[in-house]
């Protein structure tokens, strides 16, 4: 049975961002109507008619509807963040409350757990825009794969980004001598083992900064390749419904570099 919005207080709370009052009058000033988008008007009408939460959720759309729009939105957001003009999208209490109906993220981002890499801030996106999956070293394993499978299949995200970052501690640890790796806790060793194959040859680079950047990029490429082999992801790519790209976040500047082409993502 569908859940009905029978609570007057909840209905009023959700209505306020669109009408300014719980019960809209028969006519409204033209300027106020003009300020509402078609989606706003449809949502308001559905709420007034007592639509179910499931019916209302279908009216909410993501900020980007194609893979091309999605990557443009991420690049534009990061440009604002990098340039010091971030909007830091906020919502009123009523708008936040309305999100109980449905989430409609346009991007799923597999990023590192590092506290210096807050994904929504880096891309200057608001609540409900990004489905963030975070784990040390941004590795693809059953847990993270299940998360991005859900985002792609059920939330219809248009882009999957595997994002590494400058000075990643997990990647650095993956290049430690075997004896040092054995000293780490079991679950840390599990994560590092997912990274080690991609950075095995990086030790030949002598410059420390160049070595770390290349190691992170090599791990990103490896995790992108693994993500693309996922059946759910592969099916979405085949239908041109999803793009999968890599990214490198430079903590010192705030800029994100994207790896999009086959050449940029080539493993060897």
C-alpha atoms as a PDB file:
ATOM      1  CA  UNK A   1       0.000   0.000   0.000  1.00  0.00           C
ATOM      2  CA  UNK A   2       1.320   3.445  -0.896  1.00  0.00           C
ATOM      3  CA  UNK A   3       2.105   5.819   1.954  1.00  0.00           C
ATOM      4  CA  UNK A   4      -0.165   8.878   1.867  1.00  0.00           C
ATOM      5  CA  UNK A   5       0.850  12.337   3.096  1.00  0.00           C
ATOM      6  CA  UNK A   6      -1.932  12.628   5.656  1.00  0.00           C
ATOM      7  CA  UNK A   7      -0.086  14.823   8.136  1.00  0.00           C
ATOM      8  CA  UNK A   8      -1.155  18.443   7.754  1.00  0.00           C
ATOM      9  CA  UNK A   9       2.083  19.653   9.308  1.00  0.00           C
ATOM     10  CA  UNK A  10       4.233  17.620   6.919  1.00  0.00           C
ATOM     11  CA  UNK A  11       2.204  18.760   3.922  1.00  0.00           C
ATOM     12  CA  UNK A  12       2.503  22.372   4.996  1.00  0.00           C
ATOM     13  CA  UNK A  13       6.239  22.034   5.566  1.00  0.00           C
ATOM     14  CA  UNK A  14       6.816  20.676   2.079  1.00  0.00           C
ATOM     15  CA  UNK A  15       4.460  23.166   0.470  1.00  0.00           C
ATOM     16  CA  UNK A  16       6.023  26.271   1.983  1.00  0.00           C
ATOM     17  CA  UNK A  17       9.089  26.465  -0.303  1.00  0.00           C
ATOM     18  CA  UNK A  18       6.749  26.549  -3.296  1.00  0.00           C
ATOM     19  CA  UNK A  19       3.672  28.459  -2.116  1.00  0.00           C
ATOM     20  CA  UNK A  20       4.619  30.339   1.022  1.00  0.00           C
ATOM     21  CA  UNK A  21       1.493  28.938   2.711  1.00  0.00           C
ATOM     22  CA  UNK A  22      -0.216  25.594   3.352  1.00  0.00           C
ATOM     23  CA  UNK A  23      -3.293  26.277   1.183  1.00  0.00           C
ATOM     24  CA  UNK A  24      -2.674  28.150  -2.086  1.00  0.00           C
ATOM     25  CA  UNK A  25      -5.241  30.802  -3.032  1.00  0.00           C
ATOM     26  CA  UNK A  26      -7.338  30.494  -6.176  1.00  0.00           C
ATOM     27  CA  UNK A  27      -5.129  33.020  -7.983  1.00  0.00           C
ATOM     28  CA  UNK A  28      -1.539  34.105  -7.461  1.00  0.00           C
ATOM     29  CA  UNK A  29       0.370  37.171  -8.602  1.00  0.00           C
ATOM     30  CA  UNK A  30       1.941  36.702 -12.021  1.00  0.00           C
ATOM     31  CA  UNK A  31       5.418  37.533 -10.700  1.00  0.00           C
ATOM     32  CA  UNK A  32       5.247  34.781  -8.100  1.00  0.00           C
ATOM     33  CA  UNK A  33       3.986  32.207 -10.607  1.00  0.00           C
ATOM     34  CA  UNK A  34       6.759  33.178 -13.013  1.00  0.00           C
ATOM     35  CA  UNK A  35       9.385  32.484 -10.357  1.00  0.00           C
ATOM     36  CA  UNK A  36       8.286  28.843 -10.118  1.00  0.00           C
ATOM     37  CA  UNK A  37       9.609  26.270 -12.567  1.00  0.00           C
ATOM     38  CA  UNK A  38       7.332  23.755 -14.246  1.00  0.00           C
ATOM     39  CA  UNK A  39       8.712  21.082 -11.904  1.00  0.00           C
ATOM     40  CA  UNK A  40       7.863  23.295  -8.894  1.00  0.00           C
ATOM     41  CA  UNK A  41       4.307  23.784 -10.123  1.00  0.00           C
ATOM     42  CA  UNK A  42       3.820  20.070 -10.795  1.00  0.00           C
ATOM     43  CA  UNK A  43       5.129  19.191  -7.356  1.00  0.00           C
ATOM     44  CA  UNK A  44       2.892  21.749  -5.667  1.00  0.00           C
ATOM     45  CA  UNK A  45      -0.156  20.485  -7.530  1.00  0.00           C
ATOM     46  CA  UNK A  46       0.634  16.880  -6.616  1.00  0.00           C
ATOM     47  CA  UNK A  47       0.998  17.776  -2.944  1.00  0.00           C
ATOM     48  CA  UNK A  48      -2.287  19.672  -2.880  1.00  0.00           C
ATOM     49  CA  UNK A  49      -4.044  16.652  -4.409  1.00  0.00           C
ATOM     50  CA  UNK A  50      -2.655  14.385  -1.684  1.00  0.00           C
ATOM     51  CA  UNK A  51      -0.309  12.386  -3.883  1.00  0.00           C
ATOM     52  CA  UNK A  52       1.632   9.509  -2.385  1.00  0.00           C
ATOM     53  CA  UNK A  53       5.318   9.866  -1.543  1.00  0.00           C
ATOM     54  CA  UNK A  54       6.111   7.468  -4.391  1.00  0.00           C
ATOM     55  CA  UNK A  55       4.153   9.586  -6.887  1.00  0.00           C
ATOM     56  CA  UNK A  56       5.808  12.799  -5.738  1.00  0.00           C
ATOM     57  CA  UNK A  57       9.269  11.219  -5.881  1.00  0.00           C
ATOM     58  CA  UNK A  58       8.772  10.623  -9.607  1.00  0.00           C
ATOM     59  CA  UNK A  59       8.449  14.383 -10.139  1.00  0.00           C
ATOM     60  CA  UNK A  60      11.878  15.132  -8.715  1.00  0.00           C
ATOM     61  CA  UNK A  61      14.647  15.173 -11.300  1.00  0.00           C
ATOM     62  CA  UNK A  62      18.475  15.223 -10.990  1.00  0.00           C
ATOM     63  CA  UNK A  63      20.527  18.296 -11.843  1.00  0.00           C
ATOM     64  CA  UNK A  64      22.057  16.534 -14.872  1.00  0.00           C
ATOM     65  CA  UNK A  65      20.206  14.173 -17.192  1.00  0.00           C
ATOM     66  CA  UNK A  66      23.063  12.912 -19.396  1.00  0.00           C
ATOM     67  CA  UNK A  67      26.674  11.843 -18.805  1.00  0.00           C
ATOM     68  CA  UNK A  68      27.821  14.947 -20.707  1.00  0.00           C
ATOM     69  CA  UNK A  69      25.752  17.274 -18.514  1.00  0.00           C
ATOM     70  CA  UNK A  70      26.999  15.471 -15.422  1.00  0.00           C
ATOM     71  CA  UNK A  71      30.692  15.947 -16.097  1.00  0.00           C
ATOM     72  CA  UNK A  72      30.108  19.582 -17.068  1.00  0.00           C
ATOM     73  CA  UNK A  73      28.347  20.135 -13.747  1.00  0.00           C
ATOM     74  CA  UNK A  74      31.253  18.585 -11.832  1.00  0.00           C
ATOM     75  CA  UNK A  75      33.852  20.602 -13.748  1.00  0.00           C
ATOM     76  CA  UNK A  76      31.906  23.839 -13.275  1.00  0.00           C
ATOM     77  CA  UNK A  77      31.493  23.174  -9.571  1.00  0.00           C
ATOM     78  CA  UNK A  78      35.172  22.443  -9.086  1.00  0.00           C
ATOM     79  CA  UNK A  79      36.080  25.570 -11.054  1.00  0.00           C
ATOM     80  CA  UNK A  80      34.019  27.611  -8.580  1.00  0.00           C
ATOM     81  CA  UNK A  81      35.668  25.852  -5.628  1.00  0.00           C
ATOM     82  CA  UNK A  82      39.159  26.264  -7.111  1.00  0.00           C
ATOM     83  CA  UNK A  83      38.537  29.918  -7.965  1.00  0.00           C
ATOM     84  CA  UNK A  84      37.119  30.879  -4.569  1.00  0.00           C
ATOM     85  CA  UNK A  85      33.608  31.541  -5.869  1.00  0.00           C
ATOM     86  CA  UNK A  86      31.902  28.432  -4.476  1.00  0.00           C
ATOM     87  CA  UNK A  87      28.159  28.803  -3.957  1.00  0.00           C
ATOM     88  CA  UNK A  88      28.025  26.142  -1.252  1.00  0.00           C
ATOM     89  CA  UNK A  89      24.391  25.331  -2.107  1.00  0.00           C
ATOM     90  CA  UNK A  90      22.210  25.418   0.977  1.00  0.00           C
ATOM     91  CA  UNK A  91      18.611  24.408   1.625  1.00  0.00           C
ATOM     92  CA  UNK A  92      16.031  25.751   3.976  1.00  0.00           C
ATOM     93  CA  UNK A  93      14.692  23.466   6.698  1.00  0.00           C
ATOM     94  CA  UNK A  94      11.563  22.874   4.625  1.00  0.00           C
ATOM     95  CA  UNK A  95      13.554  22.000   1.522  1.00  0.00           C
ATOM     96  CA  UNK A  96      15.698  19.562   3.493  1.00  0.00           C
ATOM     97  CA  UNK A  97      12.559  17.994   4.910  1.00  0.00           C
ATOM     98  CA  UNK A  98      11.140  17.513   1.437  1.00  0.00           C
ATOM     99  CA  UNK A  99      14.075  15.269   0.571  1.00  0.00           C
ATOM    100  CA  UNK A 100      12.478  12.440   2.526  1.00  0.00           C
ATOM    101  CA  UNK A 101      10.561  11.801  -0.688  1.00  0.00           C
ATOM    102  CA  UNK A 102      13.490  10.789  -2.876  1.00  0.00           C
ATOM    103  CA  UNK A 103      17.155  11.345  -3.604  1.00  0.00           C
ATOM    104  CA  UNK A 104      18.141  12.207  -7.165  1.00  0.00           C
ATOM    105  CA  UNK A 105      21.960  12.421  -7.338  1.00  0.00           C
ATOM    106  CA  UNK A 106      23.404  12.910 -10.811  1.00  0.00           C
ATOM    107  CA  UNK A 107      26.879  11.563  -9.960  1.00  0.00           C
ATOM    108  CA  UNK A 108      28.333   8.718  -7.935  1.00  0.00           C
ATOM    109  CA  UNK A 109      31.888   9.378  -6.781  1.00  0.00           C
ATOM    110  CA  UNK A 110      34.182   6.722  -5.377  1.00  0.00           C
ATOM    111  CA  UNK A 111      36.660   8.726  -3.340  1.00  0.00           C
ATOM    112  CA  UNK A 112      39.102   8.369  -0.472  1.00  0.00           C
ATOM    113  CA  UNK A 113      38.080   8.634   3.185  1.00  0.00           C
ATOM    114  CA  UNK A 114      40.761  11.295   3.719  1.00  0.00           C
ATOM    115  CA  UNK A 115      39.363  14.159   5.811  1.00  0.00           C
ATOM    116  CA  UNK A 116      40.985  16.698   3.482  1.00  0.00           C
ATOM    117  CA  UNK A 117      38.878  15.561   0.525  1.00  0.00           C
ATOM    118  CA  UNK A 118      35.217  16.512   1.198  1.00  0.00           C
ATOM    119  CA  UNK A 119      33.596  15.461  -2.068  1.00  0.00           C
ATOM    120  CA  UNK A 120      30.530  17.723  -2.086  1.00  0.00           C
ATOM    121  CA  UNK A 121      32.657  20.774  -1.268  1.00  0.00           C
ATOM    122  CA  UNK A 122      35.306  19.978  -3.873  1.00  0.00           C
ATOM    123  CA  UNK A 123      32.609  19.916  -6.566  1.00  0.00           C
ATOM    124  CA  UNK A 124      30.494  22.675  -4.999  1.00  0.00           C
ATOM    125  CA  UNK A 125      27.348  20.557  -4.994  1.00  0.00           C
ATOM    126  CA  UNK A 126      24.420  20.532  -2.611  1.00  0.00           C
ATOM    127  CA  UNK A 127      22.412  17.981  -0.666  1.00  0.00           C
ATOM    128  CA  UNK A 128      21.088  15.224  -2.898  1.00  0.00           C
ATOM    129  CA  UNK A 129      23.419  15.934  -5.851  1.00  0.00           C
ATOM    130  CA  UNK A 130      26.216  13.419  -5.250  1.00  0.00           C
ATOM    131  CA  UNK A 131      26.113   9.799  -4.122  1.00  0.00           C
ATOM    132  CA  UNK A 132      29.459   9.587  -2.316  1.00  0.00           C
ATOM    133  CA  UNK A 133      31.230   6.274  -1.704  1.00  0.00           C
ATOM    134  CA  UNK A 134      34.341   6.740   0.433  1.00  0.00           C
ATOM    135  CA  UNK A 135      36.976   4.236   1.440  1.00  0.00           C
ATOM    136  CA  UNK A 136      40.734   4.546   1.973  1.00  0.00           C
ATOM    137  CA  UNK A 137      42.455   4.351  -1.401  1.00  0.00           C
ATOM    138  CA  UNK A 138      39.129   4.523  -3.315  1.00  0.00           C
ATOM    139  CA  UNK A 139      39.333   0.786  -4.011  1.00  0.00           C
ATOM    140  CA  UNK A 140      36.744  -1.270  -5.866  1.00  0.00           C
ATOM    141  CA  UNK A 141      35.664  -4.266  -3.781  1.00  0.00           C
ATOM    142  CA  UNK A 142      32.296  -5.945  -3.105  1.00  0.00           C
ATOM    143  CA  UNK A 143      31.264  -3.251  -0.610  1.00  0.00           C
ATOM    144  CA  UNK A 144      32.058  -0.224  -2.744  1.00  0.00           C
ATOM    145  CA  UNK A 145      30.819  -1.979  -5.897  1.00  0.00           C
ATOM    146  CA  UNK A 146      27.483  -2.666  -4.236  1.00  0.00           C
ATOM    147  CA  UNK A 147      27.179   1.018  -3.410  1.00  0.00           C
ATOM    148  CA  UNK A 148      27.851   2.286  -6.915  1.00  0.00           C
ATOM    149  CA  UNK A 149      25.722  -0.488  -8.439  1.00  0.00           C
ATOM    150  CA  UNK A 150      22.814   0.810  -6.373  1.00  0.00           C
ATOM    151  CA  UNK A 151      23.463   4.380  -7.501  1.00  0.00           C
ATOM    152  CA  UNK A 152      23.630   3.403 -11.171  1.00  0.00           C
ATOM    153  CA  UNK A 153      20.741   0.934 -11.265  1.00  0.00           C
ATOM    154  CA  UNK A 154      18.245   2.506  -8.886  1.00  0.00           C
ATOM    155  CA  UNK A 155      19.187   6.196  -8.665  1.00  0.00           C
ATOM    156  CA  UNK A 156      20.103   6.520 -12.365  1.00  0.00           C
ATOM    157  CA  UNK A 157      23.302   8.476 -11.773  1.00  0.00           C
ATOM    158  CA  UNK A 158      24.874   9.590 -15.036  1.00  0.00           C
ATOM    159  CA  UNK A 159      28.553   9.512 -14.161  1.00  0.00           C
ATOM    160  CA  UNK A 160      30.834   7.386 -12.005  1.00  0.00           C
ATOM    161  CA  UNK A 161      34.034   9.133 -10.942  1.00  0.00           C
ATOM    162  CA  UNK A 162      36.938   7.325  -9.267  1.00  0.00           C
ATOM    163  CA  UNK A 163      38.801  10.150  -7.557  1.00  0.00           C
ATOM    164  CA  UNK A 164      42.264   9.880  -6.043  1.00  0.00           C
ATOM    165  CA  UNK A 165      44.073  12.746  -4.370  1.00  0.00           C
ATOM    166  CA  UNK A 166      47.433  14.314  -3.698  1.00  0.00           C
ATOM    167  CA  UNK A 167      49.399  12.746  -0.836  1.00  0.00           C
ATOM    168  CA  UNK A 168      47.134   9.713  -0.404  1.00  0.00           C
ATOM    169  CA  UNK A 169      48.290   7.841   2.699  1.00  0.00           C
ATOM    170  CA  UNK A 170      46.744   4.546   1.574  1.00  0.00           C
ATOM    171  CA  UNK A 171      48.588   4.615  -1.742  1.00  0.00           C
ATOM    172  CA  UNK A 172      51.835   5.550   0.010  1.00  0.00           C
ATOM    173  CA  UNK A 173      51.393   2.688   2.481  1.00  0.00           C
ATOM    174  CA  UNK A 174      50.769   0.247  -0.373  1.00  0.00           C
ATOM    175  CA  UNK A 175      54.329   0.901  -1.550  1.00  0.00           C
ATOM    176  CA  UNK A 176      55.917  -0.049   1.799  1.00  0.00           C
ATOM    177  CA  UNK A 177      58.244  -3.061   2.019  1.00  0.00           C
ATOM    178  CA  UNK A 178      56.442  -6.387   2.602  1.00  0.00           C
ATOM    179  CA  UNK A 179      57.721  -6.586   6.181  1.00  0.00           C
ATOM    180  CA  UNK A 180      56.118  -3.225   7.006  1.00  0.00           C
ATOM    181  CA  UNK A 181      52.868  -4.223   5.344  1.00  0.00           C
ATOM    182  CA  UNK A 182      52.654  -7.348   7.497  1.00  0.00           C
ATOM    183  CA  UNK A 183      52.743  -5.164  10.599  1.00  0.00           C
ATOM    184  CA  UNK A 184      49.454  -3.477   9.645  1.00  0.00           C
ATOM    185  CA  UNK A 185      46.078  -4.700  10.989  1.00  0.00           C
ATOM    186  CA  UNK A 186      44.293  -7.349   8.925  1.00  0.00           C
ATOM    187  CA  UNK A 187      41.670  -5.073   7.411  1.00  0.00           C
ATOM    188  CA  UNK A 188      44.224  -2.417   6.512  1.00  0.00           C
ATOM    189  CA  UNK A 189      46.251  -5.097   4.739  1.00  0.00           C
ATOM    190  CA  UNK A 190      43.105  -6.058   2.836  1.00  0.00           C
ATOM    191  CA  UNK A 191      42.706  -2.508   1.502  1.00  0.00           C
ATOM    192  CA  UNK A 192      46.389  -2.095   0.687  1.00  0.00           C
ATOM    193  CA  UNK A 193      46.387  -5.383  -1.221  1.00  0.00           C
ATOM    194  CA  UNK A 194      43.770  -3.852  -3.561  1.00  0.00           C
ATOM    195  CA  UNK A 195      46.209  -1.026  -4.352  1.00  0.00           C
ATOM    196  CA  UNK A 196      49.601  -2.769  -4.424  1.00  0.00           C
ATOM    197  CA  UNK A 197      49.321  -4.323  -7.929  1.00  0.00           C
ATOM    198  CA  UNK A 198      48.793  -0.914  -9.547  1.00  0.00           C
ATOM    199  CA  UNK A 199      51.828   0.696  -7.892  1.00  0.00           C
ATOM    200  CA  UNK A 200      54.342  -2.142  -8.097  1.00  0.00           C
ATOM    201  CA  UNK A 201      56.472  -0.394 -10.725  1.00  0.00           C
ATOM    202  CA  UNK A 202      56.193   3.134  -9.318  1.00  0.00           C
ATOM    203  CA  UNK A 203      59.175   2.681  -6.994  1.00  0.00           C
ATOM    204  CA  UNK A 204      61.452   3.265 -10.003  1.00  0.00           C
ATOM    205  CA  UNK A 205      60.497   6.978 -10.053  1.00  0.00           C
ATOM    206  CA  UNK A 206      63.042   8.933  -7.979  1.00  0.00           C
ATOM    207  CA  UNK A 207      61.346  12.329  -7.487  1.00  0.00           C
ATOM    208  CA  UNK A 208      59.105  11.945  -4.364  1.00  0.00           C
ATOM    209  CA  UNK A 209      56.303  14.261  -5.496  1.00  0.00           C
ATOM    210  CA  UNK A 210      56.210  12.889  -9.034  1.00  0.00           C
ATOM    211  CA  UNK A 211      56.335   9.369  -7.634  1.00  0.00           C
ATOM    212  CA  UNK A 212      53.308   9.919  -5.387  1.00  0.00           C
ATOM    213  CA  UNK A 213      51.239  11.595  -8.100  1.00  0.00           C
ATOM    214  CA  UNK A 214      51.967   8.818 -10.569  1.00  0.00           C
ATOM    215  CA  UNK A 215      51.187   6.184  -7.938  1.00  0.00           C
ATOM    216  CA  UNK A 216      47.811   7.735  -7.183  1.00  0.00           C
ATOM    217  CA  UNK A 217      47.030   8.089 -10.892  1.00  0.00           C
ATOM    218  CA  UNK A 218      48.021   4.454 -11.516  1.00  0.00           C
ATOM    219  CA  UNK A 219      45.666   3.325  -8.742  1.00  0.00           C
ATOM    220  CA  UNK A 220      42.844   5.475 -10.125  1.00  0.00           C
ATOM    221  CA  UNK A 221      43.303   3.913 -13.572  1.00  0.00           C
ATOM    222  CA  UNK A 222      43.283   0.420 -12.066  1.00  0.00           C
ATOM    223  CA  UNK A 223      40.103   1.066 -10.059  1.00  0.00           C
ATOM    224  CA  UNK A 224      38.388   2.629 -13.093  1.00  0.00           C
ATOM    225  CA  UNK A 225      39.212  -0.495 -15.110  1.00  0.00           C
ATOM    226  CA  UNK A 226      37.744  -2.692 -12.370  1.00  0.00           C
ATOM    227  CA  UNK A 227      34.614  -0.541 -12.138  1.00  0.00           C
ATOM    228  CA  UNK A 228      34.071  -0.764 -15.898  1.00  0.00           C
ATOM    229  CA  UNK A 229      34.064  -4.561 -15.659  1.00  0.00           C
ATOM    230  CA  UNK A 230      31.166  -4.476 -13.208  1.00  0.00           C
ATOM    231  CA  UNK A 231      28.073  -5.942 -14.954  1.00  0.00           C
ATOM    232  CA  UNK A 232      25.718  -3.155 -13.855  1.00  0.00           C
ATOM    233  CA  UNK A 233      28.180  -0.456 -14.907  1.00  0.00           C
ATOM    234  CA  UNK A 234      28.996  -2.191 -18.179  1.00  0.00           C
ATOM    235  CA  UNK A 235      25.304  -2.431 -19.091  1.00  0.00           C
ATOM    236  CA  UNK A 236      24.724   1.266 -18.362  1.00  0.00           C
ATOM    237  CA  UNK A 237      27.758   2.257 -20.449  1.00  0.00           C
ATOM    238  CA  UNK A 238      26.506   0.147 -23.365  1.00  0.00           C
ATOM    239  CA  UNK A 239      23.217   2.070 -23.302  1.00  0.00           C
ATOM    240  CA  UNK A 240      25.062   5.432 -23.199  1.00  0.00           C
ATOM    241  CA  UNK A 241      23.432   6.091 -19.849  1.00  0.00           C
ATOM    242  CA  UNK A 242      26.662   6.306 -17.847  1.00  0.00           C
ATOM    243  CA  UNK A 243      30.208   7.606 -18.203  1.00  0.00           C
ATOM    244  CA  UNK A 244      33.065   6.300 -16.043  1.00  0.00           C
ATOM    245  CA  UNK A 245      36.061   8.576 -15.560  1.00  0.00           C
ATOM    246  CA  UNK A 246      39.017   9.032 -13.264  1.00  0.00           C
ATOM    247  CA  UNK A 247      40.045  12.147 -11.355  1.00  0.00           C
ATOM    248  CA  UNK A 248      42.956  13.495  -9.316  1.00  0.00           C
ATOM    249  CA  UNK A 249      42.302  16.086  -6.619  1.00  0.00           C
ATOM    250  CA  UNK A 250      45.206  18.377  -5.780  1.00  0.00           C
ATOM    251  CA  UNK A 251      44.796  19.295  -2.122  1.00  0.00           C
ATOM    252  CA  UNK A 252      47.275  22.158  -2.315  1.00  0.00           C
ATOM    253  CA  UNK A 253      45.309  24.015  -5.006  1.00  0.00           C
ATOM    254  CA  UNK A 254      41.787  22.613  -4.851  1.00  0.00           C
ATOM    255  CA  UNK A 255      41.792  21.681  -8.532  1.00  0.00           C
ATOM    256  CA  UNK A 256      40.524  18.400  -9.969  1.00  0.00           C
ATOM    257  CA  UNK A 257      42.142  16.936 -13.094  1.00  0.00           C
ATOM    258  CA  UNK A 258      39.932  14.474 -14.988  1.00  0.00           C
ATOM    259  CA  UNK A 259      41.009  11.341 -16.842  1.00  0.00           C
ATOM    260  CA  UNK A 260      38.398  10.832 -19.542  1.00  0.00           C
ATOM    261  CA  UNK A 261      39.882   9.394 -22.751  1.00  0.00           C
ATOM    262  CA  UNK A 262      40.975   5.821 -23.381  1.00  0.00           C
ATOM    263  CA  UNK A 263      44.561   7.038 -23.576  1.00  0.00           C
ATOM    264  CA  UNK A 264      44.362   8.877 -20.255  1.00  0.00           C
ATOM    265  CA  UNK A 265      42.885   5.777 -18.619  1.00  0.00           C
ATOM    266  CA  UNK A 266      45.182   3.243 -20.272  1.00  0.00           C
ATOM    267  CA  UNK A 267      46.735   0.918 -17.691  1.00  0.00           C
ATOM    268  CA  UNK A 268      50.106   0.425 -19.380  1.00  0.00           C
END
